[in-house]
Protein backbone atom coordinates (compact mmCIF):
# COMPACT_ATOMS: atom_id res chain seq x y z
CA UNK A 1 -17.47 -56.60 -31.85
CA UNK A 2 -19.24 -53.26 -31.60
CA UNK A 3 -17.38 -50.33 -33.16
CA UNK A 4 -17.39 -47.23 -30.96
CA UNK A 5 -18.01 -44.16 -33.13
CA UNK A 6 -20.39 -41.22 -33.61
CA UNK A 7 -23.01 -43.35 -35.36
CA UNK A 8 -22.94 -45.78 -32.47
CA UNK A 9 -23.45 -42.92 -29.99
CA UNK A 10 -26.40 -41.56 -31.99
CA UNK A 11 -27.95 -45.02 -32.04
CA UNK A 12 -27.54 -45.30 -28.27
CA UNK A 13 -29.14 -41.87 -27.75
CA UNK A 14 -32.06 -42.78 -30.05
CA UNK A 15 -32.52 -46.15 -28.39
CA UNK A 16 -32.59 -44.78 -24.86
CA UNK A 17 -34.07 -41.35 -25.55
CA UNK A 18 -36.79 -41.68 -22.94
CA UNK A 19 -34.25 -42.64 -20.32
CA UNK A 20 -32.03 -39.69 -21.34
CA UNK A 21 -34.94 -37.29 -21.18
CA UNK A 22 -35.44 -38.29 -17.55
CA UNK A 23 -31.76 -38.48 -16.46
CA UNK A 24 -30.87 -35.22 -18.21
CA UNK A 25 -34.10 -33.31 -17.88
CA UNK A 26 -34.55 -33.92 -14.15
CA UNK A 27 -31.18 -32.41 -13.09
CA UNK A 28 -31.79 -29.43 -15.40
CA UNK A 29 -35.24 -28.87 -13.90
CA UNK A 30 -33.75 -29.12 -10.39
CA UNK A 31 -31.02 -26.65 -11.38
CA UNK A 32 -33.66 -24.23 -12.65
CA UNK A 33 -35.73 -24.62 -9.48
CA UNK A 34 -32.90 -24.36 -6.96
CA UNK A 35 -31.38 -21.29 -8.62
CA UNK A 36 -34.65 -19.42 -8.19
CA UNK A 37 -34.53 -16.54 -5.67
CA UNK A 38 -36.67 -18.48 -3.21
CA UNK A 39 -34.00 -21.17 -2.83
CA UNK A 40 -30.87 -19.22 -3.76
CA UNK A 41 -31.26 -15.50 -3.03
CA UNK A 42 -29.34 -13.47 -5.63
CA UNK A 43 -26.26 -11.64 -4.39
CA UNK A 44 -25.00 -8.26 -5.53
CA UNK A 45 -21.41 -7.26 -5.99
CA UNK A 46 -19.71 -4.09 -4.79
CA UNK A 47 -16.02 -3.20 -4.85
CA UNK A 48 -13.40 -0.49 -4.70
CA UNK A 49 -9.63 -0.16 -5.08
CA UNK A 50 -7.54 1.54 -2.42
CA UNK A 51 -3.91 2.65 -2.31
CA UNK A 52 -1.75 3.16 0.78
CA UNK A 53 -0.46 6.69 1.22
CA UNK A 54 3.28 7.12 1.33
CA UNK A 55 4.20 7.93 4.94
CA UNK A 56 6.79 10.41 3.64
CA UNK A 57 3.91 12.66 2.53
CA UNK A 58 3.60 13.57 6.19
CA UNK A 59 7.30 14.36 6.70
CA UNK A 60 6.83 18.08 7.29
CA UNK A 61 10.58 18.72 7.43
CA UNK A 62 11.61 17.20 4.11
CA UNK A 63 8.36 17.61 2.18
CA UNK A 64 9.67 20.40 -0.04
CA UNK A 65 13.33 19.37 0.02
CA UNK A 66 12.59 15.94 -1.46
CA UNK A 67 9.64 16.65 -3.72
CA UNK A 68 11.35 15.04 -6.71
CA UNK A 69 11.79 11.77 -4.81
CA UNK A 70 8.37 11.82 -3.17
CA UNK A 71 5.82 9.25 -4.35
CA UNK A 72 2.13 9.66 -3.69
CA UNK A 73 1.47 5.99 -3.02
CA UNK A 74 3.11 3.50 -0.69
CA UNK A 75 5.13 0.42 -1.57
CA UNK A 76 4.02 -3.16 -2.20
CA UNK A 77 4.84 -4.01 1.43
CA UNK A 78 2.40 -1.35 2.61
CA UNK A 79 -0.26 -2.84 0.30
CA UNK A 80 0.42 -6.23 1.89
CA UNK A 81 0.01 -4.63 5.31
CA UNK A 82 -3.38 -3.16 4.34
CA UNK A 83 -4.43 -6.56 2.97
CA UNK A 84 -3.57 -8.17 6.31
CA UNK A 85 -5.64 -5.52 8.08
CA UNK A 86 -8.61 -6.12 5.76
CA UNK A 87 -8.46 -9.90 6.31
CA UNK A 88 -7.95 -9.63 10.05
CA UNK A 89 -10.45 -10.94 12.56
CA UNK A 90 -10.63 -7.50 14.16
CA UNK A 91 -11.91 -5.83 10.99
CA UNK A 92 -14.21 -8.76 10.11
CA UNK A 93 -15.89 -8.86 13.52
CA UNK A 94 -16.18 -5.07 13.57
CA UNK A 95 -18.05 -5.10 10.25
CA UNK A 96 -20.22 -8.03 11.33
CA UNK A 97 -21.20 -6.27 14.56
CA UNK A 98 -21.61 -2.81 12.98
CA UNK A 99 -23.99 -4.06 10.24
CA UNK A 100 -25.55 -6.77 12.42
CA UNK A 101 -24.68 -9.50 9.94
CA UNK A 102 -25.52 -12.07 12.62
CA UNK A 103 -29.18 -11.79 11.68
CA UNK A 104 -28.41 -11.62 7.96
CA UNK A 105 -26.47 -14.90 8.17
CA UNK A 106 -29.02 -16.43 10.54
CA UNK A 107 -26.48 -17.13 13.28
CA UNK A 108 -27.52 -17.38 16.90
CA UNK A 109 -24.97 -15.64 19.11
CA UNK A 110 -25.82 -18.02 21.94
CA UNK A 111 -25.48 -21.10 19.77
CA UNK A 112 -22.49 -23.33 19.13
CA UNK A 113 -19.36 -21.57 17.81
CA UNK A 114 -21.19 -18.42 16.62
CA UNK A 115 -18.00 -16.45 15.99
CA UNK A 116 -16.49 -19.20 13.86
CA UNK A 117 -19.66 -19.51 11.78
CA UNK A 118 -19.99 -15.75 11.32
CA UNK A 119 -16.35 -15.37 10.22
CA UNK A 120 -16.67 -18.32 7.81
CA UNK A 121 -19.84 -16.90 6.23
CA UNK A 122 -18.36 -13.41 6.07
CA UNK A 123 -15.11 -14.67 4.55
CA UNK A 124 -17.03 -16.49 1.83
CA UNK A 125 -18.62 -13.23 0.75
CA UNK A 126 -15.44 -11.11 0.83
CA UNK A 127 -12.53 -11.07 -1.57
CA UNK A 128 -9.31 -9.11 -0.90
CA UNK A 129 -6.68 -9.11 -3.64
CA UNK A 130 -3.69 -7.02 -4.68
CA UNK A 131 -3.99 -5.35 -8.06
CA UNK A 132 -1.18 -4.78 -10.50
CA UNK A 133 1.01 -2.08 -9.01
CA UNK A 134 0.32 -0.97 -5.46
CA UNK A 135 -3.45 -1.19 -5.24
CA UNK A 136 -5.70 -3.32 -3.05
CA UNK A 137 -9.08 -4.45 -4.40
CA UNK A 138 -11.82 -5.03 -1.85
CA UNK A 139 -14.96 -6.88 -3.00
CA UNK A 140 -18.12 -7.89 -1.16
CA UNK A 141 -21.21 -9.93 -2.08
CA UNK A 142 -24.55 -9.62 -0.34
CA UNK A 143 -28.23 -10.16 -1.02
CA UNK A 144 -28.77 -6.45 -0.39
CA UNK A 145 -26.86 -4.19 -2.83
CA UNK A 146 -26.82 -1.33 -0.31
CA UNK A 147 -25.36 -3.59 2.35
CA UNK A 148 -22.70 -4.94 -0.04
CA UNK A 149 -21.50 -1.38 -0.68
CA UNK A 150 -21.67 -0.60 3.04
CA UNK A 151 -19.48 -3.64 3.82
CA UNK A 152 -16.77 -2.50 1.37
CA UNK A 153 -16.81 1.10 2.59
CA UNK A 154 -16.71 0.00 6.21
CA UNK A 155 -13.71 -2.26 5.55
CA UNK A 156 -11.91 0.70 3.92
CA UNK A 157 -12.78 2.88 6.91
CA UNK A 158 -11.53 0.27 9.37
CA UNK A 159 -8.20 -0.41 7.64
CA UNK A 160 -7.64 3.34 7.30
CA UNK A 161 -8.33 3.76 11.01
CA UNK A 162 -6.03 0.85 11.94
CA UNK A 163 -3.25 2.12 9.68
CA UNK A 164 -3.49 5.65 11.12
CA UNK A 165 -3.31 4.14 14.60
CA UNK A 166 -0.19 2.21 13.62
CA UNK A 167 1.40 5.33 12.10
CA UNK A 168 0.57 7.31 15.24
CA UNK A 169 2.12 4.60 17.40
CA UNK A 170 5.23 4.63 15.21
CA UNK A 171 5.33 8.43 15.43
CA UNK A 172 5.32 8.31 19.23
CA UNK A 173 7.98 5.58 19.33
CA UNK A 174 10.26 7.48 16.94
CA UNK A 175 9.64 10.69 18.87
CA UNK A 176 10.64 8.97 22.12
CA UNK A 177 13.82 7.58 20.52
CA UNK A 178 14.74 10.97 19.05
CA UNK A 179 14.20 12.78 22.37
CA UNK A 180 16.41 10.27 24.20
CA UNK A 181 19.08 10.66 21.52
CA UNK A 182 18.88 14.44 21.91
CA UNK A 183 19.50 14.14 25.66
CA UNK A 184 22.56 11.97 25.05
CA UNK A 185 23.89 14.33 22.37
CA UNK A 186 23.44 17.33 24.63
CA UNK A 187 25.56 15.58 27.27
CA UNK A 188 28.20 14.82 24.64
CA UNK A 189 28.16 18.44 23.48
CA UNK A 190 28.71 19.63 27.05
CA UNK A 191 31.60 17.17 27.45
CA UNK A 192 33.33 18.24 24.22
CA UNK A 193 32.73 21.93 24.99
CA UNK A 194 34.46 21.53 28.38
CA UNK A 195 37.28 19.55 26.79
CA UNK A 196 37.84 22.27 24.18
CA UNK A 197 37.88 24.94 26.90
CA UNK A 198 40.50 22.98 28.90
CA UNK A 199 42.72 22.60 25.83
CA UNK A 200 42.50 26.34 25.10
CA UNK A 201 43.52 27.18 28.69
CA UNK A 202 46.35 24.63 28.79
CA UNK A 203 47.91 25.71 25.48
CA UNK A 204 46.93 29.40 25.64
CA UNK A 205 44.81 29.13 22.52
CA UNK A 206 42.26 31.84 21.98
CA UNK A 207 42.03 32.39 18.26
CA UNK A 208 44.29 29.78 16.74
CA UNK A 209 44.15 31.18 13.22
CA UNK A 210 45.38 34.63 14.23
CA UNK A 211 47.73 33.22 16.86
CA UNK A 212 49.24 30.82 14.34
CA UNK A 213 49.93 33.69 11.96
CA UNK A 214 51.56 35.80 14.71
CA UNK A 215 53.69 32.98 16.17
CA UNK A 216 54.80 31.79 12.74
CA UNK A 217 55.66 35.38 11.84
CA UNK A 218 57.68 35.81 15.01
CA UNK A 219 59.42 32.46 14.53
CA UNK A 220 60.38 33.31 10.95
CA UNK A 221 61.56 36.75 12.05
CA UNK A 222 63.72 35.22 14.83
CA UNK A 223 65.14 32.68 12.41
CA UNK A 224 65.98 35.46 9.97
CA UNK A 225 67.63 37.55 12.74
CA UNK A 226 69.66 34.55 13.85
CA UNK A 227 70.83 33.81 10.30
CA UNK A 228 71.77 37.47 9.71
CA UNK A 229 73.56 37.79 13.08
CA UNK A 230 75.50 34.58 12.49
CA UNK A 231 76.51 35.63 8.97
CA UNK A 232 77.63 39.06 10.24
CA UNK A 233 79.63 37.52 13.11
CA UNK A 234 81.37 35.11 10.75
CA UNK A 235 82.18 37.91 8.31
CA UNK A 236 83.54 40.37 10.91
CA UNK A 237 85.66 37.64 12.52
CA UNK A 238 87.68 37.51 9.32
CA UNK A 239 88.92 41.08 9.76
CA UNK A 240 89.14 41.56 13.55
CA UNK A 241 90.65 39.48 16.34
CA UNK A 242 88.31 37.67 18.65
CA UNK A 243 89.11 39.99 21.53
CA UNK A 244 87.85 42.96 19.55
CA UNK A 245 84.68 44.56 20.91
CA UNK A 246 83.00 44.43 17.50
CA UNK A 247 83.49 40.64 17.32
CA UNK A 248 82.36 40.18 20.91
CA UNK A 249 79.28 42.30 20.25
CA UNK A 250 78.49 40.36 17.04
CA UNK A 251 78.75 37.01 18.85
CA UNK A 252 76.51 38.33 21.62
CA UNK A 253 73.89 39.22 19.01
CA UNK A 254 74.14 35.66 17.61
CA UNK A 255 73.67 34.20 21.11
CA UNK A 256 70.64 36.41 21.76
CA UNK A 257 69.05 35.53 18.43
CA UNK A 258 69.71 31.83 19.09
CA UNK A 259 68.07 31.99 22.52
CA UNK A 260 65.07 33.79 21.06
CA UNK A 261 64.81 31.15 18.33
CA UNK A 262 65.00 28.32 20.88
CA UNK A 263 62.16 29.90 22.80
CA UNK A 264 59.79 28.99 19.97
CA UNK A 265 60.89 25.32 20.04
CA UNK A 266 61.01 24.95 23.84
CA UNK A 267 57.86 22.94 24.87
CA UNK A 268 57.82 24.75 28.24
CA UNK A 269 57.82 28.19 26.68
CA UNK A 270 54.60 30.22 26.56
CA UNK A 271 55.18 30.93 22.88
CA UNK A 272 56.47 27.47 21.91
CA UNK A 273 55.48 26.81 18.31
CA UNK A 274 55.52 23.02 18.75
CA UNK A 275 53.46 23.20 21.92
CA UNK A 276 51.02 25.56 20.29
CA UNK A 277 50.71 23.29 17.23
CA UNK A 278 50.09 20.22 19.42
CA UNK A 279 47.37 22.15 21.21
CA UNK A 280 45.80 23.26 17.93
CA UNK A 281 45.76 19.65 16.66
CA UNK A 282 44.01 18.47 19.82
CA UNK A 283 41.58 21.36 19.69
CA UNK A 284 40.70 20.78 16.02
CA UNK A 285 40.06 17.08 16.71
CA UNK A 286 37.72 17.87 19.60
CA UNK A 287 35.94 20.68 17.73
CA UNK A 288 35.45 18.48 14.67
CA UNK A 289 33.61 15.92 16.81
CA UNK A 290 31.75 18.73 18.55
CA UNK A 291 30.42 20.23 15.32
CA UNK A 292 29.38 16.82 13.99
CA UNK A 293 27.34 16.25 17.13
CA UNK A 294 25.85 19.75 16.87
CA UNK A 295 24.85 19.03 13.26
CA UNK A 296 23.23 15.72 14.21
CA UNK A 297 21.49 17.40 17.15
CA UNK A 298 20.02 20.03 14.81
CA UNK A 299 18.84 17.26 12.46
CA UNK A 300 17.09 15.44 15.32
CA UNK A 301 15.55 18.63 16.73
CA UNK A 302 14.09 19.48 13.30
CA UNK A 303 12.48 16.05 13.10
CA UNK A 304 11.16 16.25 16.64
CA UNK A 305 9.50 19.54 15.71
CA UNK A 306 7.99 17.87 12.64
CA UNK A 307 6.80 14.80 14.55
CA UNK A 308 5.22 16.97 17.25
CA UNK A 309 3.54 19.09 14.60
CA UNK A 310 1.89 15.94 13.21
CA UNK A 311 0.05 15.37 16.49
CA UNK A 312 -3.65 15.70 15.83
CA UNK A 313 -3.15 16.20 12.09
CA UNK A 314 -6.07 14.61 10.24
CA UNK A 315 -5.13 12.66 7.12
CA UNK A 316 -6.16 9.52 5.27
CA UNK A 317 -3.49 6.84 5.22
CA UNK A 318 -5.55 4.97 2.63
CA UNK A 319 -6.53 6.58 -0.67
CA UNK A 320 -9.68 5.18 -2.28
CA UNK A 321 -10.30 5.43 -6.01
CA UNK A 322 -14.01 5.87 -5.31
CA UNK A 323 -16.59 5.02 -2.69
CA UNK A 324 -18.14 1.61 -3.27
CA UNK A 325 -21.59 1.95 -4.86
CA UNK A 326 -24.63 -0.40 -4.76
CA UNK A 327 -25.02 -2.51 -7.88
CA UNK A 328 -28.33 -2.70 -9.76
CA UNK A 329 -27.46 -6.08 -11.28
CA UNK A 330 -27.03 -9.34 -9.42
CA UNK A 331 -23.60 -10.93 -9.54
CA UNK A 332 -24.37 -14.48 -8.40
CA UNK A 333 -25.64 -17.04 -8.88
CA UNK A 334 -24.96 -16.86 -12.63
CA UNK A 335 -28.02 -18.94 -13.40
CA UNK A 336 -27.38 -19.78 -17.03
CA UNK A 337 -23.89 -21.09 -16.25
CA UNK A 338 -25.26 -23.40 -13.57
CA UNK A 339 -28.03 -24.67 -15.88
CA UNK A 340 -25.73 -25.18 -18.88
CA UNK A 341 -23.12 -26.92 -16.70
CA UNK A 342 -25.80 -29.19 -15.22
CA UNK A 343 -27.04 -30.03 -18.73
CA UNK A 344 -23.56 -30.91 -20.00
CA UNK A 345 -22.55 -32.97 -16.96
CA UNK A 346 -25.81 -34.92 -16.78
CA UNK A 347 -25.72 -35.59 -20.54
CA UNK A 348 -22.14 -36.88 -20.48
CA UNK A 349 -22.71 -39.07 -17.42
CA UNK A 350 -25.99 -40.47 -18.75
CA UNK A 351 -24.64 -41.28 -22.20
CA UNK A 352 -21.51 -42.79 -20.67
CA UNK A 353 -23.60 -45.06 -18.43
CA UNK A 354 -25.75 -46.14 -21.39
CA UNK A 355 -22.66 -47.01 -23.42
CA UNK A 356 -21.32 -49.16 -20.60
CA UNK A 357 -24.66 -50.89 -20.20
CA UNK A 358 -24.99 -51.47 -23.91
CA UNK A 359 -21.49 -52.91 -24.17
CA UNK A 360 -22.44 -55.50 -21.58
CA UNK A 361 -20.50 -54.23 -18.60
CA UNK A 362 -22.75 -56.04 -16.11
CA UNK A 363 -22.02 -59.42 -17.75
CA UNK A 364 -18.32 -58.70 -17.78
CA UNK A 365 -18.38 -57.84 -14.11
CA UNK A 366 -20.28 -61.02 -13.29
CA UNK A 367 -17.72 -63.18 -15.08
CA UNK A 368 -14.97 -61.65 -13.00
């Protein structure tokens, strides 16, 4: 039985060297021929890396208030959005039409499925990938180095234009929402203002802080007068009979002080402390809601001013590291890799076939 080892392989190669020269040499020669520019035009590579701008950079209201929290670049989701723009059919067809890649790809617009063919060819020469962090790398291959750079720069221009259009649309939508909210808040402000005015009229509240001080002062004074009058009446009653004028006068003073004191607790009285306090509580509740709405209204109005100020403002929503430049060195085909790969594959296949033949595979197959 034949032992399969390195010596055996060398013997096989020596025995069938002429055959190997043909089976290995021919594919290599074909690889050399078909990677020549005539058959496989060399392609040049051009690329750039872009970053989405943070939309908050254009918040004119909070720009200086939130500088510490403000990032120059957008988030990973915004990078994903730019990538979707770059891969979209809209951008691809725009670049194809702008640079007339129909002729470059040899596609007849009146032929069968021209759009499908153009997009397939274009997609094979474009690579869009997210870099580490929040960058988007845009690469293009073309037989013309100038055109490869033009394709990349045009893609960047298109996604910037699309992103600005989306931001402008969002600006208008937010502006419309804010303006409607302002109208509703203004109605609420009018309602609470009228409610506060009605409460002030009903409970005779004009300046509740000063009025509270005065009414409390008067109530305390009346309470003190009542206590003093009562103490005096009790004391004088010990020394004089109840029919005495001094006792009668003292009791009258107690009665008057008591009536004055009750005036402050009578809910129907104009100076009722309880009524006044109830009114103040209602008024404070209404005014608290009123001032909250006023504060929110001011917040919305500031943002409306900022959003309106952004109208017509020119800015780049996509920041490019650098403009894509034409390359002076071809990127593909990598000829030596193709030739070396062809040499290795053809050698392995040829030697493997020779080993099978030498081991008598045909006879074994016949017996089966």
